[in-house]
N, C-alpha and C. Protein backbone atom coordinates (compact mmCIF):
# COMPACT_ATOMS: atom_id res chain seq x y z
N MET A 1 -116.57 -91.09 31.56
CA MET A 1 -115.21 -91.54 32.00
C MET A 1 -114.93 -90.95 33.28
N SER A 2 -114.26 -91.90 34.24
CA SER A 2 -113.86 -91.37 35.40
C SER A 2 -112.47 -90.92 35.38
N THR A 3 -111.91 -89.98 36.29
CA THR A 3 -110.65 -89.37 36.27
C THR A 3 -109.94 -90.14 37.38
N LEU A 4 -108.58 -90.50 36.98
CA LEU A 4 -108.07 -91.25 38.11
C LEU A 4 -107.01 -90.26 38.88
N TYR A 5 -107.26 -90.02 40.08
CA TYR A 5 -106.43 -89.38 40.96
C TYR A 5 -105.40 -89.86 41.62
N LEU A 6 -104.26 -89.37 42.21
CA LEU A 6 -103.27 -89.90 42.83
C LEU A 6 -103.68 -90.53 43.97
N ASP A 7 -104.68 -90.31 44.71
CA ASP A 7 -105.21 -91.00 46.01
C ASP A 7 -105.58 -92.23 45.41
N ASP A 8 -106.27 -92.59 44.29
CA ASP A 8 -106.71 -93.78 43.93
C ASP A 8 -105.60 -94.58 43.52
N ILE A 9 -104.51 -94.22 42.94
CA ILE A 9 -103.53 -94.90 42.58
C ILE A 9 -102.71 -95.41 43.88
N GLN A 10 -102.54 -94.67 45.01
CA GLN A 10 -102.05 -94.92 46.28
C GLN A 10 -102.95 -95.88 46.87
N THR A 11 -104.19 -95.99 46.80
CA THR A 11 -105.03 -96.65 47.40
C THR A 11 -104.89 -98.23 46.79
N GLU A 12 -104.78 -98.17 45.45
CA GLU A 12 -104.65 -99.37 44.82
C GLU A 12 -103.30 -100.19 45.20
N GLU A 13 -102.23 -99.31 45.32
CA GLU A 13 -101.04 -99.89 45.59
C GLU A 13 -100.87 -100.29 46.91
N SER A 14 -101.67 -99.63 47.96
CA SER A 14 -101.52 -100.10 49.27
C SER A 14 -102.36 -101.43 49.56
N SER A 15 -103.40 -101.32 48.53
CA SER A 15 -104.33 -102.60 48.66
C SER A 15 -103.62 -103.75 47.99
N ASN A 16 -102.67 -103.54 47.03
CA ASN A 16 -101.85 -104.69 46.84
C ASN A 16 -100.68 -105.03 47.87
N GLU A 17 -100.25 -104.17 48.60
CA GLU A 17 -99.36 -104.52 49.82
C GLU A 17 -100.13 -105.11 50.92
N ASP A 18 -101.39 -104.62 51.00
CA ASP A 18 -102.29 -105.34 52.08
C ASP A 18 -102.50 -106.69 51.58
N LEU A 19 -102.86 -106.98 50.37
CA LEU A 19 -103.14 -108.22 49.84
C LEU A 19 -101.90 -109.20 50.10
N VAL A 20 -100.60 -108.74 49.83
CA VAL A 20 -99.38 -109.39 49.97
C VAL A 20 -99.12 -109.79 51.51
N ARG A 21 -99.24 -108.84 52.30
CA ARG A 21 -99.39 -108.99 53.59
C ARG A 21 -100.28 -110.28 54.17
N ALA A 22 -101.38 -110.17 53.66
CA ALA A 22 -102.43 -111.07 54.14
C ALA A 22 -102.24 -112.47 53.79
N ALA A 23 -101.73 -112.48 52.33
CA ALA A 23 -101.36 -113.92 51.69
C ALA A 23 -100.12 -114.33 52.52
N GLN A 24 -99.20 -113.37 52.92
CA GLN A 24 -98.04 -114.02 53.74
C GLN A 24 -98.54 -114.52 54.98
N LEU A 25 -99.67 -114.13 55.60
CA LEU A 25 -100.18 -114.76 56.72
C LEU A 25 -101.13 -115.98 56.56
N GLY A 26 -101.15 -116.18 55.36
CA GLY A 26 -101.86 -117.53 54.95
C GLY A 26 -103.22 -117.20 54.37
N ASP A 27 -103.57 -116.12 53.99
CA ASP A 27 -105.07 -115.74 53.44
C ASP A 27 -104.85 -116.18 51.98
N SER A 28 -105.42 -117.59 51.46
CA SER A 28 -105.31 -117.81 50.06
C SER A 28 -106.13 -117.10 49.18
N SER A 29 -107.18 -116.53 49.73
CA SER A 29 -108.03 -115.75 49.08
C SER A 29 -107.42 -114.20 48.55
N ALA A 30 -106.66 -113.85 49.45
CA ALA A 30 -105.75 -112.65 49.26
C ALA A 30 -104.75 -112.92 48.04
N PHE A 31 -104.19 -113.96 48.10
CA PHE A 31 -103.13 -114.47 46.99
C PHE A 31 -104.08 -114.64 45.91
N GLY A 32 -105.30 -115.34 45.79
CA GLY A 32 -105.90 -115.39 44.45
C GLY A 32 -106.28 -113.88 43.86
N ASP A 33 -106.61 -113.05 44.94
CA ASP A 33 -106.84 -111.53 44.39
C ASP A 33 -105.73 -111.08 43.66
N LEU A 34 -104.23 -111.32 44.27
CA LEU A 34 -103.31 -110.86 43.55
C LEU A 34 -102.78 -111.41 42.26
N ALA A 35 -103.22 -112.98 42.18
CA ALA A 35 -103.15 -113.60 40.83
C ALA A 35 -104.13 -113.06 39.81
N SER A 36 -105.24 -112.61 40.36
CA SER A 36 -106.14 -112.06 39.23
C SER A 36 -105.71 -110.73 38.68
N ARG A 37 -104.98 -109.98 39.58
CA ARG A 37 -104.57 -108.79 39.26
C ARG A 37 -103.31 -108.64 38.19
N PHE A 38 -102.76 -109.67 38.31
CA PHE A 38 -101.34 -109.75 37.83
C PHE A 38 -101.24 -110.86 36.76
N GLU A 39 -102.16 -111.59 36.61
CA GLU A 39 -102.24 -112.78 35.72
C GLU A 39 -101.99 -112.38 34.17
N ARG A 40 -102.35 -111.03 33.80
CA ARG A 40 -102.28 -110.76 32.35
C ARG A 40 -100.82 -110.37 32.15
N MET A 41 -100.33 -109.65 33.11
CA MET A 41 -98.82 -109.37 33.10
C MET A 41 -97.75 -110.58 33.17
N VAL A 42 -98.25 -111.40 33.88
CA VAL A 42 -97.46 -112.68 33.94
C VAL A 42 -97.51 -113.42 32.55
N TYR A 43 -98.62 -113.54 31.89
CA TYR A 43 -98.98 -114.22 30.73
C TYR A 43 -98.21 -113.54 29.54
N VAL A 44 -98.38 -112.14 29.58
CA VAL A 44 -97.33 -111.54 28.56
C VAL A 44 -96.00 -111.71 28.63
N ILE A 45 -95.34 -111.57 29.67
CA ILE A 45 -94.23 -111.87 29.92
C ILE A 45 -93.76 -113.26 29.41
N CYS A 46 -94.35 -114.34 29.70
CA CYS A 46 -94.19 -115.66 29.33
C CYS A 46 -94.39 -115.68 27.78
N TRP A 47 -95.43 -115.10 27.25
CA TRP A 47 -95.54 -115.21 25.75
C TRP A 47 -94.30 -114.64 24.93
N GLN A 48 -94.03 -113.56 25.31
CA GLN A 48 -93.07 -112.64 24.73
C GLN A 48 -91.77 -113.64 24.69
N ARG A 49 -91.36 -114.50 25.53
CA ARG A 49 -90.21 -115.24 25.80
C ARG A 49 -90.61 -116.57 24.85
N LEU A 50 -91.70 -117.10 24.94
CA LEU A 50 -92.07 -118.60 24.53
C LEU A 50 -92.70 -118.45 22.82
N ARG A 51 -93.59 -117.29 22.73
CA ARG A 51 -94.25 -117.26 21.54
C ARG A 51 -95.17 -118.43 21.22
N ASN A 52 -95.69 -119.11 22.26
CA ASN A 52 -96.73 -120.20 22.19
C ASN A 52 -97.89 -119.89 23.20
N HIS A 53 -98.89 -119.88 22.91
CA HIS A 53 -100.09 -119.67 23.77
C HIS A 53 -100.12 -120.82 24.72
N ASP A 54 -100.13 -121.94 24.70
CA ASP A 54 -100.28 -123.00 25.49
C ASP A 54 -99.27 -123.00 26.53
N GLU A 55 -97.92 -122.99 26.02
CA GLU A 55 -96.81 -123.00 26.90
C GLU A 55 -96.78 -121.70 27.82
N ALA A 56 -97.20 -120.65 27.26
CA ALA A 56 -97.31 -119.34 28.09
C ALA A 56 -98.47 -119.70 29.25
N LEU A 57 -99.54 -120.04 28.93
CA LEU A 57 -100.37 -120.37 29.88
C LEU A 57 -99.97 -121.39 31.12
N GLU A 58 -99.35 -122.46 30.46
CA GLU A 58 -98.80 -123.38 31.64
C GLU A 58 -97.73 -122.93 32.42
N VAL A 59 -96.73 -121.99 31.84
CA VAL A 59 -95.65 -121.36 32.52
C VAL A 59 -96.12 -120.32 33.54
N SER A 60 -97.19 -119.64 33.07
CA SER A 60 -97.90 -118.54 34.04
C SER A 60 -98.57 -119.29 35.13
N GLN A 61 -99.00 -120.49 34.98
CA GLN A 61 -99.48 -121.21 36.13
C GLN A 61 -98.37 -121.63 37.16
N ASP A 62 -97.33 -121.92 36.53
CA ASP A 62 -96.02 -122.35 37.35
C ASP A 62 -95.54 -121.19 38.11
N VAL A 63 -95.70 -120.10 37.37
CA VAL A 63 -95.18 -118.77 38.01
C VAL A 63 -95.87 -118.39 39.43
N PHE A 64 -97.06 -118.53 39.37
CA PHE A 64 -98.18 -118.28 40.47
C PHE A 64 -97.94 -119.38 41.59
N ILE A 65 -97.63 -120.44 41.10
CA ILE A 65 -97.37 -121.72 42.12
C ILE A 65 -96.08 -121.25 42.92
N LYS A 66 -94.90 -121.04 42.01
CA LYS A 66 -93.79 -120.66 42.66
C LYS A 66 -93.87 -119.46 43.45
N ALA A 67 -94.64 -118.44 43.09
CA ALA A 67 -94.77 -117.04 43.98
C ALA A 67 -95.33 -117.61 45.26
N PHE A 68 -96.41 -118.30 45.11
CA PHE A 68 -97.25 -118.82 46.45
C PHE A 68 -96.28 -119.45 47.37
N GLU A 69 -95.43 -120.38 46.84
CA GLU A 69 -94.73 -121.16 47.74
C GLU A 69 -93.47 -120.35 48.35
N LYS A 70 -92.98 -119.10 47.52
CA LYS A 70 -91.89 -118.26 48.02
C LYS A 70 -92.11 -117.09 48.50
N LEU A 71 -93.83 -116.90 48.74
CA LEU A 71 -94.07 -115.49 49.03
C LEU A 71 -93.50 -115.00 50.46
N TYR A 72 -93.36 -116.05 51.48
CA TYR A 72 -92.71 -115.71 52.79
C TYR A 72 -91.47 -115.12 52.50
N GLN A 73 -90.51 -115.27 51.45
CA GLN A 73 -89.38 -114.70 51.40
C GLN A 73 -89.36 -113.06 51.00
N LEU A 74 -90.55 -112.75 50.29
CA LEU A 74 -90.67 -111.25 50.00
C LEU A 74 -90.57 -110.41 51.18
N GLU A 75 -89.52 -109.75 51.52
CA GLU A 75 -89.54 -108.79 52.53
C GLU A 75 -90.29 -107.35 52.39
N GLU A 76 -90.28 -106.93 51.13
CA GLU A 76 -90.95 -105.83 50.95
C GLU A 76 -92.30 -105.84 50.26
N PRO A 77 -93.54 -105.88 50.68
CA PRO A 77 -94.58 -106.09 49.92
C PRO A 77 -94.99 -105.23 49.06
N ALA A 78 -94.59 -104.01 48.82
CA ALA A 78 -94.59 -102.90 47.78
C ALA A 78 -93.84 -103.58 46.46
N ALA A 79 -92.86 -104.35 46.69
CA ALA A 79 -91.89 -104.92 45.55
C ALA A 79 -92.73 -106.02 44.89
N PHE A 80 -93.81 -106.46 45.16
CA PHE A 80 -94.45 -107.63 44.83
C PHE A 80 -94.46 -107.77 43.21
N ALA A 81 -94.95 -106.64 42.57
CA ALA A 81 -94.92 -106.73 41.05
C ALA A 81 -93.70 -106.89 40.38
N GLY A 82 -92.72 -106.33 40.80
CA GLY A 82 -91.20 -106.34 40.28
C GLY A 82 -90.86 -107.85 40.52
N TRP A 83 -90.99 -108.32 41.76
CA TRP A 83 -90.80 -109.79 42.26
C TRP A 83 -91.38 -110.79 41.41
N LEU A 84 -92.75 -110.64 41.25
CA LEU A 84 -93.51 -111.63 40.39
C LEU A 84 -92.88 -111.42 39.00
N ARG A 85 -92.55 -110.36 38.57
CA ARG A 85 -92.17 -110.40 37.04
C ARG A 85 -90.60 -111.20 36.81
N GLN A 86 -89.82 -111.03 37.80
CA GLN A 86 -88.73 -111.54 37.99
C GLN A 86 -89.00 -113.15 37.97
N ILE A 87 -89.84 -113.56 38.57
CA ILE A 87 -90.02 -115.04 38.73
C ILE A 87 -90.61 -115.45 37.18
N ALA A 88 -91.75 -114.49 36.62
CA ALA A 88 -92.05 -115.08 35.40
C ALA A 88 -90.90 -115.09 34.24
N VAL A 89 -90.07 -113.96 34.33
CA VAL A 89 -88.97 -113.94 33.35
C VAL A 89 -88.14 -115.40 33.57
N ARG A 90 -87.63 -115.58 34.96
CA ARG A 90 -86.89 -116.97 34.98
C ARG A 90 -87.69 -118.14 34.53
N GLN A 91 -89.05 -118.34 34.92
CA GLN A 91 -89.61 -119.60 34.65
C GLN A 91 -89.82 -119.58 33.00
N ALA A 92 -90.14 -118.55 32.36
CA ALA A 92 -90.27 -118.60 30.92
C ALA A 92 -88.74 -118.94 30.20
N LEU A 93 -87.83 -118.25 30.83
CA LEU A 93 -86.23 -118.69 30.29
C LEU A 93 -86.04 -120.22 30.54
N ASN A 94 -86.37 -120.43 31.66
CA ASN A 94 -86.17 -121.93 31.85
C ASN A 94 -86.94 -122.89 30.93
N ARG A 95 -88.20 -122.54 30.76
CA ARG A 95 -88.73 -123.35 29.72
C ARG A 95 -88.45 -123.41 28.39
N ALA A 96 -88.00 -122.13 28.05
CA ALA A 96 -87.26 -122.00 26.88
C ALA A 96 -86.25 -122.73 26.38
N THR A 97 -85.31 -122.74 27.40
CA THR A 97 -84.05 -123.53 27.32
C THR A 97 -84.29 -125.14 27.55
N ARG A 98 -85.29 -125.49 28.10
CA ARG A 98 -85.39 -126.91 28.33
C ARG A 98 -86.41 -127.46 27.33
N ARG A 99 -86.88 -126.73 26.42
CA ARG A 99 -87.89 -127.17 25.42
C ARG A 99 -86.99 -127.84 24.31
N PRO A 100 -87.52 -129.14 23.94
CA PRO A 100 -86.63 -129.77 23.02
C PRO A 100 -86.51 -128.96 21.78
N PRO A 101 -85.54 -128.96 20.86
CA PRO A 101 -85.42 -128.34 19.85
C PRO A 101 -86.39 -128.97 18.68
N SER A 102 -86.96 -127.89 18.12
CA SER A 102 -87.92 -128.37 16.85
C SER A 102 -87.05 -128.76 15.61
N ILE A 103 -87.16 -129.90 15.24
CA ILE A 103 -86.41 -130.55 13.97
C ILE A 103 -87.15 -130.50 12.87
N ALA A 104 -86.72 -129.85 11.90
CA ALA A 104 -87.05 -129.73 10.59
C ALA A 104 -87.00 -131.10 9.82
N VAL A 105 -87.83 -131.65 9.12
CA VAL A 105 -87.99 -132.89 8.42
C VAL A 105 -87.98 -132.86 6.85
N GLU A 106 -87.13 -133.22 6.24
CA GLU A 106 -86.99 -133.19 4.88
C GLU A 106 -88.20 -134.24 4.24
N PRO A 107 -88.93 -133.97 3.16
CA PRO A 107 -89.90 -134.85 2.72
C PRO A 107 -89.37 -136.11 2.38
N ARG A 108 -88.23 -136.11 1.82
CA ARG A 108 -87.81 -137.57 1.54
C ARG A 108 -87.42 -138.44 2.79
N SER A 109 -87.08 -137.57 3.86
CA SER A 109 -87.04 -138.56 5.09
C SER A 109 -88.40 -139.30 5.37
N LEU A 110 -89.42 -138.50 5.27
CA LEU A 110 -90.85 -139.07 5.73
C LEU A 110 -91.11 -140.36 4.76
N ASP A 111 -90.47 -140.23 3.31
CA ASP A 111 -90.62 -141.46 2.42
C ASP A 111 -89.85 -142.78 3.01
N ASN A 112 -88.75 -142.21 3.71
CA ASN A 112 -88.04 -143.50 4.24
C ASN A 112 -88.26 -144.02 5.46
N ALA A 113 -89.46 -143.45 6.03
CA ALA A 113 -89.86 -143.81 7.39
C ALA A 113 -90.07 -145.42 7.46
N ASP A 114 -90.14 -145.98 8.79
CA ASP A 114 -90.36 -147.19 8.91
C ASP A 114 -91.57 -147.67 8.47
N ASN A 115 -91.63 -148.61 7.45
CA ASN A 115 -92.96 -149.05 6.99
C ASN A 115 -93.20 -150.48 7.52
N ARG A 116 -92.85 -150.89 8.65
CA ARG A 116 -93.12 -152.29 9.11
C ARG A 116 -94.35 -152.31 9.46
N HIS A 117 -95.06 -151.35 9.93
CA HIS A 117 -96.37 -151.29 10.30
C HIS A 117 -97.48 -151.12 9.08
N VAL A 118 -96.94 -151.30 7.92
CA VAL A 118 -97.98 -151.24 6.66
C VAL A 118 -98.51 -152.54 6.46
N ALA A 119 -99.88 -152.74 6.51
CA ALA A 119 -100.45 -154.14 6.10
C ALA A 119 -99.85 -154.85 5.15
N PRO A 120 -99.65 -156.14 5.04
CA PRO A 120 -98.91 -156.84 4.11
C PRO A 120 -99.89 -156.60 2.65
N LEU A 121 -101.05 -156.90 2.85
CA LEU A 121 -101.86 -156.62 1.62
C LEU A 121 -101.58 -155.14 1.05
N ASP A 122 -101.65 -154.13 1.65
CA ASP A 122 -101.42 -152.73 1.27
C ASP A 122 -100.04 -152.71 0.38
N SER A 123 -99.05 -153.45 1.32
CA SER A 123 -97.76 -153.34 0.75
C SER A 123 -97.60 -154.26 -0.78
N LEU A 124 -98.20 -155.35 -0.58
CA LEU A 124 -98.46 -156.18 -1.97
C LEU A 124 -99.07 -155.28 -3.02
N LEU A 125 -100.13 -154.77 -2.77
CA LEU A 125 -100.95 -154.06 -3.91
C LEU A 125 -100.13 -152.89 -4.26
N ALA A 126 -99.42 -152.04 -3.45
CA ALA A 126 -98.58 -150.98 -3.74
C ALA A 126 -97.28 -151.64 -4.82
N THR A 127 -96.74 -152.75 -4.47
CA THR A 127 -95.74 -153.23 -5.33
C THR A 127 -96.23 -153.67 -6.62
N GLU A 128 -97.50 -154.10 -6.61
CA GLU A 128 -98.10 -154.73 -8.14
C GLU A 128 -98.40 -153.43 -8.80
N ARG A 129 -98.98 -152.30 -8.19
CA ARG A 129 -99.33 -151.13 -9.00
C ARG A 129 -97.93 -150.76 -9.57
N GLU A 130 -96.85 -150.47 -8.63
CA GLU A 130 -95.59 -149.98 -9.35
C GLU A 130 -94.99 -150.78 -10.47
N ASP A 131 -95.12 -152.05 -10.22
CA ASP A 131 -94.79 -153.06 -11.43
C ASP A 131 -95.51 -152.81 -12.65
N GLN A 132 -96.97 -152.67 -12.59
CA GLN A 132 -97.66 -152.37 -13.72
C GLN A 132 -97.37 -151.17 -14.34
N LEU A 133 -96.98 -150.10 -13.39
CA LEU A 133 -96.70 -148.69 -13.97
C LEU A 133 -95.41 -148.94 -14.82
N HIS A 134 -94.25 -149.60 -14.40
CA HIS A 134 -93.16 -149.78 -14.96
C HIS A 134 -93.13 -150.65 -16.37
N ARG A 135 -94.17 -151.59 -16.21
CA ARG A 135 -94.44 -152.24 -17.56
C ARG A 135 -95.19 -151.49 -18.52
N GLY A 136 -95.96 -150.64 -18.15
CA GLY A 136 -96.90 -149.58 -19.13
C GLY A 136 -95.76 -148.59 -19.69
N LEU A 137 -94.74 -148.04 -18.77
CA LEU A 137 -93.95 -147.20 -19.20
C LEU A 137 -92.74 -147.88 -20.21
N ARG A 138 -92.66 -149.04 -20.18
CA ARG A 138 -91.73 -149.87 -21.00
C ARG A 138 -92.45 -150.05 -22.37
N ARG A 139 -93.85 -150.00 -22.53
CA ARG A 139 -94.47 -150.36 -23.63
C ARG A 139 -94.68 -149.04 -24.41
N LEU A 140 -94.53 -147.85 -23.74
CA LEU A 140 -94.50 -146.39 -24.60
C LEU A 140 -93.37 -146.51 -25.40
N ALA A 141 -93.58 -145.45 -26.50
CA ALA A 141 -92.56 -145.00 -27.21
C ALA A 141 -91.33 -144.49 -26.45
N SER A 142 -90.14 -144.33 -27.05
CA SER A 142 -89.36 -143.74 -26.13
C SER A 142 -89.41 -142.28 -25.82
N LEU A 143 -90.04 -141.28 -26.80
CA LEU A 143 -90.25 -139.93 -26.47
C LEU A 143 -91.19 -139.81 -25.18
N ASP A 144 -92.35 -140.74 -25.30
CA ASP A 144 -93.35 -140.60 -24.21
C ASP A 144 -92.79 -141.04 -23.01
N ARG A 145 -92.10 -142.18 -22.93
CA ARG A 145 -91.47 -142.75 -21.82
C ARG A 145 -90.64 -141.62 -21.09
N SER A 146 -89.46 -141.10 -21.84
CA SER A 146 -88.53 -140.20 -21.37
C SER A 146 -89.33 -138.91 -20.84
N THR A 147 -90.43 -138.69 -21.54
CA THR A 147 -91.03 -137.09 -21.13
C THR A 147 -91.58 -137.56 -19.74
N LEU A 148 -92.37 -138.60 -19.56
CA LEU A 148 -93.14 -139.03 -18.27
C LEU A 148 -91.98 -139.18 -17.12
N VAL A 149 -90.93 -139.76 -17.47
CA VAL A 149 -89.86 -140.22 -16.45
C VAL A 149 -89.32 -138.88 -15.89
N ALA A 150 -88.96 -138.02 -17.01
CA ALA A 150 -88.22 -136.63 -16.62
C ALA A 150 -89.17 -135.97 -15.69
N PHE A 151 -90.46 -136.02 -16.13
CA PHE A 151 -91.41 -135.03 -15.07
C PHE A 151 -91.64 -135.71 -14.00
N TYR A 152 -92.06 -136.90 -14.02
CA TYR A 152 -92.95 -137.74 -12.93
C TYR A 152 -91.71 -138.35 -11.83
N ILE A 153 -90.78 -138.93 -12.49
CA ILE A 153 -89.85 -139.77 -11.70
C ILE A 153 -88.66 -138.91 -11.28
N ASP A 154 -87.93 -138.04 -12.22
CA ASP A 154 -86.79 -137.37 -12.13
C ASP A 154 -87.23 -136.03 -11.39
N GLY A 155 -88.39 -135.63 -11.33
CA GLY A 155 -88.81 -134.24 -10.89
C GLY A 155 -88.29 -133.04 -11.45
N ARG A 156 -88.15 -133.09 -12.75
CA ARG A 156 -87.74 -132.10 -13.61
C ARG A 156 -89.08 -131.04 -13.90
N SER A 157 -88.62 -129.92 -13.89
CA SER A 157 -89.78 -128.73 -14.06
C SER A 157 -89.78 -128.66 -15.78
N ILE A 158 -90.96 -128.20 -16.14
CA ILE A 158 -91.37 -128.08 -17.47
C ILE A 158 -90.16 -127.21 -18.06
N ILE A 159 -89.72 -126.18 -17.47
CA ILE A 159 -88.82 -125.32 -17.97
C ILE A 159 -87.55 -126.28 -18.26
N GLU A 160 -87.17 -126.91 -17.30
CA GLU A 160 -85.87 -127.76 -17.40
C GLU A 160 -85.96 -128.63 -18.51
N MET A 161 -86.94 -129.34 -18.65
CA MET A 161 -87.52 -130.27 -19.58
C MET A 161 -87.22 -129.48 -20.93
N SER A 162 -87.87 -128.29 -21.10
CA SER A 162 -87.89 -127.67 -22.45
C SER A 162 -86.31 -127.43 -22.62
N ASP A 163 -85.22 -127.19 -21.81
CA ASP A 163 -84.03 -127.05 -22.07
C ASP A 163 -83.25 -128.35 -22.40
N ASP A 164 -83.65 -129.45 -21.63
CA ASP A 164 -83.41 -130.98 -22.06
C ASP A 164 -83.58 -131.43 -23.20
N PHE A 165 -84.68 -131.24 -23.76
CA PHE A 165 -85.45 -131.83 -25.01
C PHE A 165 -85.16 -130.88 -25.99
N ASP A 166 -84.86 -129.54 -25.64
CA ASP A 166 -84.55 -128.50 -26.84
C ASP A 166 -85.92 -128.36 -27.45
N ALA A 167 -86.78 -128.09 -26.79
CA ALA A 167 -88.25 -127.78 -27.44
C ALA A 167 -89.02 -126.93 -26.55
N PRO A 168 -89.74 -125.88 -27.13
CA PRO A 168 -90.64 -125.03 -26.50
C PRO A 168 -91.42 -125.63 -25.21
N VAL A 169 -91.83 -124.76 -24.35
CA VAL A 169 -92.66 -125.25 -23.15
C VAL A 169 -93.88 -125.73 -23.42
N GLY A 170 -94.63 -125.08 -24.61
CA GLY A 170 -95.75 -125.57 -25.11
C GLY A 170 -95.77 -126.91 -25.55
N THR A 171 -94.64 -127.21 -26.27
CA THR A 171 -94.48 -128.65 -26.81
C THR A 171 -94.23 -129.59 -25.69
N ILE A 172 -93.56 -129.38 -24.63
CA ILE A 172 -93.44 -130.05 -23.44
C ILE A 172 -94.87 -130.36 -22.79
N LYS A 173 -95.58 -129.37 -22.69
CA LYS A 173 -96.68 -129.62 -21.96
C LYS A 173 -97.64 -130.48 -22.79
N ARG A 174 -97.66 -130.24 -24.22
CA ARG A 174 -98.45 -131.35 -25.10
C ARG A 174 -97.83 -132.53 -24.91
N ARG A 175 -96.70 -132.80 -24.92
CA ARG A 175 -95.83 -134.05 -24.95
C ARG A 175 -96.28 -134.73 -23.78
N LEU A 176 -96.40 -134.13 -22.47
CA LEU A 176 -96.79 -134.71 -21.19
C LEU A 176 -98.17 -135.02 -21.30
N HIS A 177 -99.08 -134.41 -21.97
CA HIS A 177 -100.63 -134.64 -22.03
C HIS A 177 -100.74 -135.79 -22.85
N VAL A 178 -100.18 -135.89 -23.80
CA VAL A 178 -100.29 -137.14 -24.81
C VAL A 178 -99.81 -138.19 -24.23
N ALA A 179 -98.63 -138.11 -23.47
CA ALA A 179 -97.87 -139.19 -22.97
C ALA A 179 -98.62 -139.86 -21.70
N ARG A 180 -99.36 -138.91 -21.04
CA ARG A 180 -100.20 -139.56 -19.86
C ARG A 180 -101.40 -140.19 -20.46
N LYS A 181 -101.91 -139.80 -21.45
CA LYS A 181 -103.04 -140.59 -22.12
C LYS A 181 -102.63 -141.83 -22.56
N ARG A 182 -101.56 -141.79 -23.29
CA ARG A 182 -100.97 -143.20 -23.77
C ARG A 182 -100.88 -144.19 -22.77
N LEU A 183 -100.24 -143.60 -21.61
CA LEU A 183 -99.82 -144.55 -20.51
C LEU A 183 -101.20 -145.09 -19.96
N ALA A 184 -102.11 -144.27 -19.67
CA ALA A 184 -103.40 -144.61 -19.25
C ALA A 184 -104.09 -145.79 -20.21
N ARG A 185 -103.79 -145.67 -21.39
CA ARG A 185 -104.27 -146.76 -22.27
C ARG A 185 -103.60 -148.04 -22.15
N GLU A 186 -102.27 -147.97 -21.88
CA GLU A 186 -101.25 -149.05 -21.69
C GLU A 186 -101.88 -149.75 -20.39
N LEU A 187 -102.04 -149.00 -19.37
CA LEU A 187 -102.48 -149.40 -18.13
C LEU A 187 -103.66 -150.31 -18.05
N GLU A 188 -104.68 -149.56 -18.89
CA GLU A 188 -106.07 -150.38 -18.87
C GLU A 188 -105.86 -151.76 -19.76
N CYS A 189 -105.04 -151.77 -20.75
CA CYS A 189 -104.66 -152.86 -21.59
C CYS A 189 -104.17 -153.92 -20.38
N LEU A 190 -102.92 -153.58 -19.64
CA LEU A 190 -102.48 -154.39 -18.79
C LEU A 190 -103.47 -155.03 -17.70
N GLN A 191 -104.50 -154.06 -17.29
CA GLN A 191 -105.44 -154.44 -16.33
C GLN A 191 -106.45 -155.61 -16.84
N ALA A 192 -106.78 -155.49 -18.14
CA ALA A 192 -107.54 -156.21 -18.80
C ALA A 192 -107.04 -157.81 -19.01
N VAL A 193 -105.71 -157.89 -19.02
CA VAL A 193 -105.09 -159.14 -19.19
C VAL A 193 -105.05 -160.03 -17.75
């Protein structure tokens, strides 16, 4: 493991300054070396503000483009790291404020989405299956029908149904199992017709 001495730090700093001066004079490879040295720092700044890898990469590229375009304005080459950091912060904040807000969508709103692009045959078959299901439910005994409707259509939990029907949870589970089997038989009979 090598020891880092003060002379090494000063040499690296002066080489950054030399690279900045060379880049200001039009040496694009010098700017490329600067970009390589500072790309991690710029990415981390962008990621901290955006919390998105792809956006942080994109903004990092924008930062170096902006820095290349404005490098002639930098009067003190030794201040390059802080100057670049400020550009990164501003670019990341700009992206964060211009980003469209993420919108949470309720599952029900997806059900109500525009269905104009559904194939007519698919729509017809879905309507027919729904009609058969309702006919099958009507053919069931009242207790079976109300158990299935409460669970599958009204979305009641087994515990809520236990309270509603004034029956133990185990009884509700058994009723659901039996009612599903009876509905399946009714639907088979309707299919045969």
